[in-house]
């Protein structure tokens, strides 16, 4: 990871979840490749646990041919990989 560009409380879940959870939306930039990602995390206030589901990770900038080396063998990694 290179830079966390923003962290904000995600209020979409406030009336839909138990009150002992908080949700945050984190935006970060990775290096190499300057991938920009948005991640929704849950924080359980009683235990202090932070959870990230794979489905909550979104690449928000274009990745073009960056992950070409894994496209045929590991397509599930297309959002995350940079090939050199």
N, C-alpha and C. Protein backbone atom coordinates (compact mmCIF):
# COMPACT_ATOMS: atom_id res chain seq x y z
N UNK A 1 0.84 -1.16 0.00
CA UNK A 1 0.00 0.00 0.00
C UNK A 1 0.89 1.23 0.00
N UNK A 2 0.48 2.22 -0.74
CA UNK A 2 1.22 3.46 -0.80
C UNK A 2 0.58 4.53 0.06
N UNK A 3 -0.73 4.81 -0.13
CA UNK A 3 -1.37 5.91 0.55
C UNK A 3 -2.83 5.59 0.85
N UNK A 4 -3.29 5.88 2.06
CA UNK A 4 -4.72 5.87 2.35
C UNK A 4 -5.21 7.27 2.01
N UNK A 5 -6.11 7.36 1.04
CA UNK A 5 -6.54 8.69 0.60
C UNK A 5 -7.77 9.19 1.33
N UNK A 6 -8.60 8.28 1.87
CA UNK A 6 -9.73 8.74 2.68
C UNK A 6 -10.30 7.59 3.52
N UNK A 7 -10.86 7.95 4.64
CA UNK A 7 -11.61 7.03 5.49
C UNK A 7 -12.85 7.78 5.94
N UNK A 8 -14.03 7.20 5.70
CA UNK A 8 -15.25 7.86 6.15
C UNK A 8 -16.23 6.81 6.64
N UNK A 9 -17.04 7.20 7.60
CA UNK A 9 -18.06 6.30 8.14
C UNK A 9 -19.09 6.07 7.04
N UNK A 10 -19.41 4.81 6.80
CA UNK A 10 -20.40 4.44 5.80
C UNK A 10 -21.75 4.34 6.48
N UNK A 11 -22.61 5.32 6.27
CA UNK A 11 -23.88 5.42 6.98
C UNK A 11 -25.02 4.65 6.30
N UNK A 12 -24.73 3.99 5.18
CA UNK A 12 -25.78 3.24 4.47
C UNK A 12 -26.32 2.09 5.32
N UNK A 13 -25.52 1.60 6.27
CA UNK A 13 -25.91 0.43 7.05
C UNK A 13 -26.45 0.78 8.44
N UNK A 14 -26.49 2.05 8.79
CA UNK A 14 -26.83 2.45 10.16
C UNK A 14 -28.15 1.87 10.67
N UNK A 15 -29.17 1.83 9.84
CA UNK A 15 -30.47 1.34 10.31
C UNK A 15 -30.70 -0.13 9.96
N UNK A 16 -29.68 -0.82 9.42
CA UNK A 16 -29.84 -2.19 8.96
C UNK A 16 -28.97 -3.19 9.70
N UNK A 17 -28.17 -2.75 10.64
CA UNK A 17 -27.22 -3.64 11.31
C UNK A 17 -27.34 -3.51 12.82
N UNK A 18 -26.84 -4.50 13.54
CA UNK A 18 -26.82 -4.37 15.01
C UNK A 18 -25.98 -3.17 15.43
N UNK A 19 -26.33 -2.56 16.54
CA UNK A 19 -25.67 -1.32 16.96
C UNK A 19 -24.23 -1.51 17.42
N UNK A 20 -23.75 -2.76 17.55
CA UNK A 20 -22.37 -2.94 17.97
C UNK A 20 -21.40 -3.02 16.80
N UNK A 21 -21.86 -2.71 15.59
CA UNK A 21 -21.00 -2.65 14.41
C UNK A 21 -20.96 -1.24 13.84
N UNK A 22 -19.80 -0.84 13.36
CA UNK A 22 -19.65 0.38 12.57
C UNK A 22 -19.06 -0.03 11.23
N UNK A 23 -19.44 0.65 10.17
CA UNK A 23 -18.90 0.38 8.84
C UNK A 23 -18.15 1.62 8.36
N UNK A 24 -17.01 1.37 7.74
CA UNK A 24 -16.19 2.45 7.20
C UNK A 24 -15.85 2.15 5.75
N UNK A 25 -15.77 3.21 4.96
CA UNK A 25 -15.35 3.08 3.57
C UNK A 25 -13.95 3.69 3.48
N UNK A 26 -12.99 2.87 3.04
CA UNK A 26 -11.59 3.27 2.97
C UNK A 26 -11.19 3.33 1.50
N UNK A 27 -10.54 4.41 1.10
CA UNK A 27 -9.99 4.53 -0.25
C UNK A 27 -8.48 4.57 -0.12
N UNK A 28 -7.80 3.73 -0.93
CA UNK A 28 -6.35 3.69 -0.85
C UNK A 28 -5.72 3.51 -2.22
N UNK A 29 -4.44 3.88 -2.30
CA UNK A 29 -3.66 3.73 -3.53
C UNK A 29 -2.51 2.78 -3.24
N UNK A 30 -2.28 1.84 -4.15
CA UNK A 30 -1.21 0.88 -3.97
C UNK A 30 -0.01 1.20 -4.85
N UNK A 31 1.10 0.61 -4.49
CA UNK A 31 2.31 0.75 -5.28
C UNK A 31 2.99 -0.61 -5.30
N UNK A 32 3.46 -1.09 -6.43
CA UNK A 32 3.50 -0.42 -7.73
C UNK A 32 2.15 -0.48 -8.44
N UNK A 33 2.02 0.26 -9.49
CA UNK A 33 0.84 0.21 -10.32
C UNK A 33 -0.18 1.29 -10.07
N UNK A 34 -0.10 1.99 -8.96
CA UNK A 34 -1.02 3.07 -8.61
C UNK A 34 -2.48 2.64 -8.73
N UNK A 35 -2.77 1.43 -8.24
CA UNK A 35 -4.16 0.97 -8.19
C UNK A 35 -4.91 1.72 -7.12
N UNK A 36 -6.11 2.20 -7.45
CA UNK A 36 -6.97 2.89 -6.49
C UNK A 36 -8.09 1.93 -6.12
N UNK A 37 -8.26 1.70 -4.82
CA UNK A 37 -9.25 0.75 -4.33
C UNK A 37 -10.16 1.42 -3.30
N UNK A 38 -11.40 0.95 -3.29
CA UNK A 38 -12.36 1.37 -2.29
C UNK A 38 -12.78 0.10 -1.55
N UNK A 39 -12.74 0.13 -0.23
CA UNK A 39 -12.99 -1.05 0.59
C UNK A 39 -13.99 -0.67 1.68
N UNK A 40 -15.01 -1.50 1.86
CA UNK A 40 -15.91 -1.32 2.99
C UNK A 40 -15.49 -2.29 4.08
N UNK A 41 -15.26 -1.76 5.27
CA UNK A 41 -14.83 -2.57 6.41
C UNK A 41 -15.87 -2.49 7.52
N UNK A 42 -15.97 -3.56 8.28
CA UNK A 42 -16.85 -3.52 9.45
C UNK A 42 -15.98 -3.59 10.70
N UNK A 43 -16.37 -2.82 11.69
CA UNK A 43 -15.66 -2.77 12.97
C UNK A 43 -16.64 -3.20 14.05
N UNK A 44 -16.33 -4.29 14.75
CA UNK A 44 -17.16 -4.76 15.86
C UNK A 44 -16.67 -4.08 17.13
N UNK A 45 -17.48 -3.20 17.67
CA UNK A 45 -17.04 -2.35 18.79
C UNK A 45 -16.73 -3.14 20.05
N UNK A 46 -17.42 -4.22 20.33
CA UNK A 46 -17.18 -4.98 21.55
C UNK A 46 -15.89 -5.79 21.49
N UNK A 47 -15.60 -6.41 20.35
CA UNK A 47 -14.42 -7.27 20.24
C UNK A 47 -13.20 -6.53 19.69
N UNK A 48 -13.44 -5.42 18.99
CA UNK A 48 -12.34 -4.70 18.35
C UNK A 48 -11.92 -5.29 17.02
N UNK A 49 -12.66 -6.30 16.53
CA UNK A 49 -12.32 -6.95 15.26
C UNK A 49 -12.72 -6.10 14.08
N UNK A 50 -11.85 -6.08 13.07
CA UNK A 50 -12.12 -5.42 11.79
C UNK A 50 -12.22 -6.50 10.74
N UNK A 51 -13.25 -6.44 9.90
CA UNK A 51 -13.44 -7.45 8.86
C UNK A 51 -13.52 -6.78 7.50
N UNK A 52 -12.94 -7.46 6.50
CA UNK A 52 -13.03 -7.03 5.11
C UNK A 52 -13.44 -8.26 4.30
N UNK A 53 -14.53 -8.16 3.59
CA UNK A 53 -14.99 -9.24 2.71
C UNK A 53 -14.40 -8.98 1.32
N UNK A 54 -14.00 -10.05 0.62
CA UNK A 54 -13.47 -9.89 -0.74
C UNK A 54 -14.42 -9.11 -1.63
N UNK A 55 -15.73 -9.34 -1.46
CA UNK A 55 -16.72 -8.67 -2.29
C UNK A 55 -16.78 -7.17 -2.05
N UNK A 56 -16.22 -6.70 -0.94
CA UNK A 56 -16.30 -5.28 -0.62
C UNK A 56 -15.09 -4.49 -1.12
N UNK A 57 -14.19 -5.16 -1.86
CA UNK A 57 -13.01 -4.49 -2.42
C UNK A 57 -13.30 -4.18 -3.88
N UNK A 58 -13.22 -2.90 -4.26
CA UNK A 58 -13.48 -2.49 -5.63
C UNK A 58 -12.32 -1.67 -6.15
N UNK A 59 -11.84 -2.01 -7.33
CA UNK A 59 -10.83 -1.16 -7.97
C UNK A 59 -11.59 -0.03 -8.65
N UNK A 60 -11.19 1.21 -8.38
CA UNK A 60 -11.94 2.36 -8.88
C UNK A 60 -11.22 3.13 -9.97
N UNK A 61 -10.03 2.65 -10.39
CA UNK A 61 -9.40 3.24 -11.56
C UNK A 61 -9.12 2.12 -12.56
N UNK A 62 -8.75 2.47 -13.77
CA UNK A 62 -8.53 1.50 -14.83
C UNK A 62 -7.25 0.72 -14.59
N UNK A 63 -7.28 -0.56 -14.90
CA UNK A 63 -6.08 -1.36 -14.73
C UNK A 63 -5.51 -1.84 -16.05
N UNK A 64 -6.18 -1.54 -17.17
CA UNK A 64 -5.67 -1.86 -18.51
C UNK A 64 -5.08 -3.27 -18.56
N UNK A 65 -3.83 -3.38 -19.00
CA UNK A 65 -3.18 -4.69 -19.11
C UNK A 65 -2.31 -5.04 -17.90
N UNK A 66 -2.40 -4.28 -16.83
CA UNK A 66 -1.55 -4.53 -15.66
C UNK A 66 -1.57 -5.99 -15.19
N UNK A 67 -2.74 -6.65 -15.13
CA UNK A 67 -2.76 -8.03 -14.63
C UNK A 67 -2.72 -9.10 -15.72
N UNK A 68 -2.20 -8.80 -16.88
CA UNK A 68 -2.23 -9.75 -18.01
C UNK A 68 -1.59 -11.09 -17.68
N UNK A 69 -0.57 -11.11 -16.85
CA UNK A 69 0.14 -12.35 -16.56
C UNK A 69 -0.67 -13.35 -15.74
N UNK A 70 -1.75 -12.92 -15.10
CA UNK A 70 -2.58 -13.84 -14.31
C UNK A 70 -3.95 -14.08 -14.93
N UNK A 71 -4.25 -13.42 -16.04
CA UNK A 71 -5.59 -13.48 -16.63
C UNK A 71 -6.05 -14.91 -16.94
N UNK A 72 -5.17 -15.72 -17.50
CA UNK A 72 -5.55 -17.07 -17.87
C UNK A 72 -5.54 -18.06 -16.73
N UNK A 73 -4.65 -17.87 -15.77
CA UNK A 73 -4.49 -18.86 -14.70
C UNK A 73 -5.20 -18.50 -13.40
N UNK A 74 -5.31 -17.22 -13.10
CA UNK A 74 -5.94 -16.78 -11.84
C UNK A 74 -6.81 -15.55 -12.08
N UNK A 75 -7.91 -15.71 -12.81
CA UNK A 75 -8.74 -14.53 -13.12
C UNK A 75 -9.31 -13.83 -11.89
N UNK A 76 -9.38 -14.54 -10.76
CA UNK A 76 -9.89 -13.91 -9.53
C UNK A 76 -8.94 -12.84 -9.00
N UNK A 77 -7.71 -12.82 -9.49
CA UNK A 77 -6.71 -11.84 -9.04
C UNK A 77 -6.59 -10.63 -9.96
N UNK A 78 -7.42 -10.55 -11.00
CA UNK A 78 -7.30 -9.46 -11.98
C UNK A 78 -7.36 -8.08 -11.35
N UNK A 79 -8.20 -7.90 -10.33
CA UNK A 79 -8.33 -6.58 -9.70
C UNK A 79 -7.09 -6.18 -8.91
N UNK A 80 -6.30 -7.14 -8.47
CA UNK A 80 -5.24 -6.87 -7.51
C UNK A 80 -3.82 -6.90 -8.05
N UNK A 81 -3.59 -7.60 -9.15
CA UNK A 81 -2.21 -7.86 -9.61
C UNK A 81 -1.70 -6.82 -10.59
N UNK A 82 -0.40 -6.62 -10.56
CA UNK A 82 0.33 -5.83 -11.52
C UNK A 82 1.47 -6.68 -12.01
N UNK A 83 1.58 -6.88 -13.31
CA UNK A 83 2.64 -7.72 -13.87
C UNK A 83 3.73 -6.85 -14.49
N UNK A 84 4.95 -7.27 -14.32
CA UNK A 84 6.10 -6.54 -14.89
C UNK A 84 6.85 -7.42 -15.83
